[in-house]
Amino acid sequence: LMCSCRRGGGLVQPGGSLRPSCSTSGRTFSPGVVAWFRQAPGKERDFVSAVDSLGGTRYADFARGRFAISRDRAKNTVYLQMNSLRPEDTASYYCAARQVRIVYSSWSDPNVMDYWGKGTLVTVSS
């Protein structure tokens, strides 16, 4: 069972929007938490946003108000709508999933995730 980041990445101008998606493959899989992380060249992996099985959401400060995470259970897909993109948002974006629900404070911890997608590159540049 793997999250696979697909589509939604690419090159966009500052102020533009992208919507990467994360789908689970294989048998029906309903993770407790699905999160997005990002990693810019030469930097550590940072938490971006997460959504749990009850629809609760969490955002990093830089994402709040610009990004929106959503979950389509029927399609086993989680979306990250990214608006008002800035050059500093340039990074590889990875989705990750925890199979069971965890406490809210742990949603931003990459070490507790069970599955990871391959990542999608987002470049914000004029």
Protein backbone atom coordinates (compact mmCIF):
# COMPACT_ATOMS: atom_id res chain seq x y z
CA LEU A 1 0.00 0.00 0.00
CA MET A 2 1.55 3.22 -1.10
CA CYS A 3 0.55 6.81 -1.36
CA SER A 4 1.48 8.01 -4.80
CA CYS A 5 1.81 11.68 -5.48
CA ARG A 6 0.66 12.28 -8.99
CA ARG A 7 -0.07 15.24 -11.20
CA GLY A 8 -0.49 18.67 -9.76
CA GLY A 9 3.17 19.58 -9.78
CA GLY A 10 5.07 21.66 -12.27
CA LEU A 11 6.11 25.22 -13.01
CA VAL A 12 3.90 28.12 -12.05
CA GLN A 13 4.36 31.87 -11.83
CA PRO A 14 4.22 33.68 -8.50
CA GLY A 15 0.62 34.17 -7.49
CA GLY A 16 -0.48 31.09 -9.39
CA SER A 17 -2.14 27.90 -8.19
CA LEU A 18 -1.51 24.18 -8.28
CA ARG A 19 -3.33 21.18 -6.87
CA PRO A 20 -1.26 18.07 -6.32
CA SER A 21 -3.15 14.94 -5.39
CA CYS A 22 -2.32 11.83 -3.45
CA SER A 23 -4.05 8.51 -4.10
CA THR A 24 -3.70 5.20 -2.40
CA SER A 25 -3.40 2.12 -4.51
CA GLY A 26 -4.25 -1.49 -3.80
CA ARG A 27 -7.04 -2.62 -1.56
CA THR A 28 -9.35 -0.22 0.17
CA PHE A 29 -7.24 1.86 2.45
CA SER A 30 -8.56 4.45 4.80
CA PRO A 31 -5.66 6.00 6.68
CA GLY A 32 -6.14 7.77 9.95
CA VAL A 33 -4.11 10.79 8.80
CA VAL A 34 -2.83 11.93 5.43
CA ALA A 35 -0.26 14.69 5.42
CA TRP A 36 1.73 16.75 2.98
CA PHE A 37 5.35 17.62 3.55
CA ARG A 38 7.79 19.54 1.39
CA GLN A 39 11.51 19.66 0.97
CA ALA A 40 13.48 22.35 -0.80
CA PRO A 41 17.00 21.64 -2.07
CA GLY A 42 19.46 21.64 0.79
CA LYS A 43 16.76 22.00 3.43
CA GLU A 44 14.96 19.71 5.82
CA ARG A 45 11.55 18.24 5.15
CA ASP A 46 8.82 20.54 6.47
CA PHE A 47 5.23 19.85 7.38
CA VAL A 48 2.67 21.55 5.14
CA SER A 49 -0.80 20.27 6.00
CA ALA A 50 -2.73 17.21 7.15
CA VAL A 51 -6.26 15.85 7.27
CA ASP A 52 -7.56 13.06 9.46
CA SER A 53 -10.27 10.47 8.99
CA LEU A 54 -12.84 12.71 10.66
CA GLY A 55 -12.09 15.64 8.39
CA GLY A 56 -10.02 17.60 10.86
CA THR A 57 -7.24 19.65 9.29
CA ARG A 58 -3.97 21.22 10.30
CA TYR A 59 -1.74 23.71 8.49
CA ALA A 60 1.75 25.06 8.84
CA ASP A 61 1.82 28.79 9.44
CA PHE A 62 3.10 29.49 5.94
CA ALA A 63 0.25 27.46 4.42
CA ARG A 64 -2.66 28.79 6.43
CA GLY A 65 -4.90 30.98 4.32
CA ARG A 66 -3.22 30.02 1.06
CA PHE A 67 -3.41 26.21 0.97
CA ALA A 68 -6.40 23.94 1.48
CA ILE A 69 -6.32 20.22 2.06
CA SER A 70 -9.29 18.02 1.23
CA ARG A 71 -10.10 14.35 1.15
CA ASP A 72 -12.31 12.43 -1.28
CA ARG A 73 -13.08 9.12 0.39
CA ALA A 74 -14.80 7.64 -2.66
CA LYS A 75 -11.65 8.13 -4.70
CA ASN A 76 -9.18 7.44 -1.89
CA THR A 77 -7.57 10.73 -2.82
CA VAL A 78 -6.31 13.71 -0.87
CA TYR A 79 -5.82 17.05 -2.58
CA LEU A 80 -3.66 20.02 -1.65
CA GLN A 81 -5.00 23.17 -3.26
CA MET A 82 -2.17 25.70 -3.28
CA ASN A 83 -3.00 29.31 -4.11
CA SER A 84 -1.00 32.54 -4.12
CA LEU A 85 2.17 30.58 -4.62
CA ARG A 86 5.47 32.25 -3.84
CA PRO A 87 9.02 31.49 -5.00
CA GLU A 88 9.78 30.22 -1.48
CA ASP A 89 7.14 27.52 -1.99
CA THR A 90 9.45 25.87 -4.53
CA ALA A 91 10.10 22.35 -3.27
CA SER A 92 9.30 18.71 -3.78
CA TYR A 93 5.97 17.94 -2.16
CA TYR A 94 5.36 14.54 -0.61
CA CYS A 95 2.22 12.97 0.71
CA ALA A 96 2.38 10.59 3.63
CA ALA A 97 -0.12 8.52 5.53
CA ARG A 98 -0.51 7.07 8.98
CA GLN A 99 -2.68 3.98 9.01
CA VAL A 100 -4.35 4.71 12.34
CA ARG A 101 -5.48 7.94 13.91
CA ILE A 102 -2.94 9.75 16.00
CA VAL A 103 -3.00 12.73 18.30
CA TYR A 104 -3.23 16.13 16.64
CA SER A 105 0.19 17.18 17.88
CA SER A 106 1.79 14.31 15.93
CA TRP A 107 0.29 15.13 12.56
CA SER A 108 3.30 17.26 11.65
CA ASP A 109 5.88 14.63 12.57
CA PRO A 110 7.25 12.83 9.48
CA ASN A 111 8.65 10.07 11.68
CA VAL A 112 5.21 8.72 12.58
CA MET A 113 4.03 8.25 8.99
CA ASP A 114 3.71 4.69 7.70
CA TYR A 115 3.61 5.34 3.96
CA TRP A 116 5.18 7.90 1.66
CA GLY A 117 4.58 8.98 -1.90
CA LYS A 118 7.37 9.61 -4.37
CA GLY A 119 6.92 13.37 -4.41
CA THR A 120 6.04 15.96 -6.99
CA LEU A 121 8.20 18.96 -7.83
CA VAL A 122 6.63 22.40 -7.58
CA THR A 123 8.59 25.31 -9.01
CA VAL A 124 7.36 28.86 -8.52
CA SER A 125 9.22 31.25 -10.77
CA SER A 126 8.61 34.03 -13.22
